[in-house]
Structure formats: C-alpha cells, structure tokens
Amino acid sequence: MRLDKFSYFMAKNLVELPRLIVLCFFFTMAFYPIVTPNVEWAYVWAYCCAAAFACSGLAYCASIALSPLKVDR
C-alpha cells in the first residue's frame, strides 16, 4: 500500500498531540514541586511539550525515511 508521506506524517502528529499533552501535564505536575524552578508552571509545561513533540517528530521522520525490516521466521 502506497501512502503519501506528508499526509502520514501530519496524521501521526495530530494523533500524537493529545497523548503528549497529557503525558507532559502529569510529568510537570510531579516534577515542578520537587524542583521548584524560578519560572511559572505553564512555562515548564510548555517546554516539556515542545521537547516531547520534537522527539516524537524526529522518531516519526525516521520511521518514514527508513524502510521496515523484514524478519524471516
């Protein structure tokens, strides 16, 4: 099956966004009281979301660029 690479990439990002937002929310809720940084809670959450989005986007780009491995069993 031939899929459009750009459409696949955009769809995977749209599906991944809610999960990343929730995961970053819970991480920030646990991390912020322990560290007590000098910035507001929303900034820490936004930085966490940006980092998670960048990492997941890079992983999706790699999954598009690399061919799947064929395992013979």
Protein backbone atom coordinates (compact mmCIF):
# COMPACT_ATOMS: atom_id res chain seq x y z
CA MET A 1 0.00 0.00 0.00
CA ARG A 2 1.44 3.35 -1.04
CA LEU A 3 0.73 6.19 1.40
CA ASP A 4 1.51 9.84 0.91
CA LYS A 5 4.46 10.50 3.24
CA PHE A 6 3.45 14.05 4.15
CA SER A 7 -0.14 13.04 4.94
CA TYR A 8 1.10 10.14 7.06
CA PHE A 9 3.45 12.43 8.96
CA MET A 10 0.75 15.03 9.62
CA ALA A 11 -1.80 12.42 10.71
CA LYS A 12 0.65 10.80 13.11
CA ASN A 13 1.45 14.20 14.63
CA LEU A 14 -2.23 15.06 15.07
CA VAL A 15 -2.92 11.73 16.74
CA GLU A 16 0.14 12.05 18.97
CA LEU A 17 -0.56 15.60 20.26
CA PRO A 18 -3.25 14.75 22.85
CA ARG A 19 -1.13 11.94 24.28
CA LEU A 20 1.94 14.17 24.53
CA ILE A 21 -0.03 16.96 26.17
CA VAL A 22 -1.43 14.63 28.84
CA LEU A 23 1.91 12.92 29.46
CA CYS A 24 3.69 16.26 29.80
CA PHE A 25 0.97 17.53 32.12
CA PHE A 26 1.44 14.65 34.55
CA PHE A 27 5.22 14.82 34.30
CA THR A 28 5.16 18.55 35.08
CA MET A 29 2.74 18.01 37.97
CA ALA A 30 5.21 15.58 39.53
CA PHE A 31 8.41 17.40 38.56
CA TYR A 32 7.52 21.01 39.38
CA PRO A 33 7.00 20.68 43.17
CA ILE A 34 10.23 18.71 43.58
CA VAL A 35 12.48 21.12 41.69
CA THR A 36 10.62 24.42 42.33
CA PRO A 37 12.12 26.33 39.39
CA ASN A 38 12.05 30.12 39.14
CA VAL A 39 9.69 30.07 36.14
CA GLU A 40 5.94 29.65 36.15
CA TRP A 41 4.32 26.23 35.92
CA ALA A 42 2.92 26.90 32.43
CA TYR A 43 6.39 27.63 31.03
CA VAL A 44 7.77 24.36 32.39
CA TRP A 45 4.80 22.50 30.88
CA ALA A 46 5.28 24.26 27.53
CA TYR A 47 9.00 23.41 27.45
CA CYS A 48 8.18 19.79 28.26
CA CYS A 49 5.57 19.68 25.47
CA ALA A 50 7.99 21.22 22.99
CA ALA A 51 10.73 18.74 23.84
CA ALA A 52 8.36 15.76 23.66
CA PHE A 53 6.94 16.96 20.34
CA ALA A 54 10.40 17.41 18.86
CA CYS A 55 11.50 13.94 19.94
CA SER A 56 8.35 12.24 18.67
CA GLY A 57 8.52 14.14 15.38
CA LEU A 58 12.10 13.06 14.86
CA ALA A 59 11.11 9.46 15.56
CA TYR A 60 8.26 9.65 13.03
CA CYS A 61 10.59 11.15 10.42
CA ALA A 62 12.97 8.26 10.98
CA SER A 63 10.13 5.75 10.65
CA ILE A 64 9.14 7.31 7.33
CA ALA A 65 12.68 7.59 5.96
CA LEU A 66 13.83 4.10 6.91
CA SER A 67 12.44 1.02 5.27
CA PRO A 68 10.83 -1.58 7.53
CA LEU A 69 12.90 -4.61 8.37
CA LYS A 70 11.79 -7.95 7.01
CA VAL A 71 12.16 -10.76 9.52
CA ASP A 72 12.14 -14.29 8.15
CA ARG A 73 10.68 -16.84 10.52
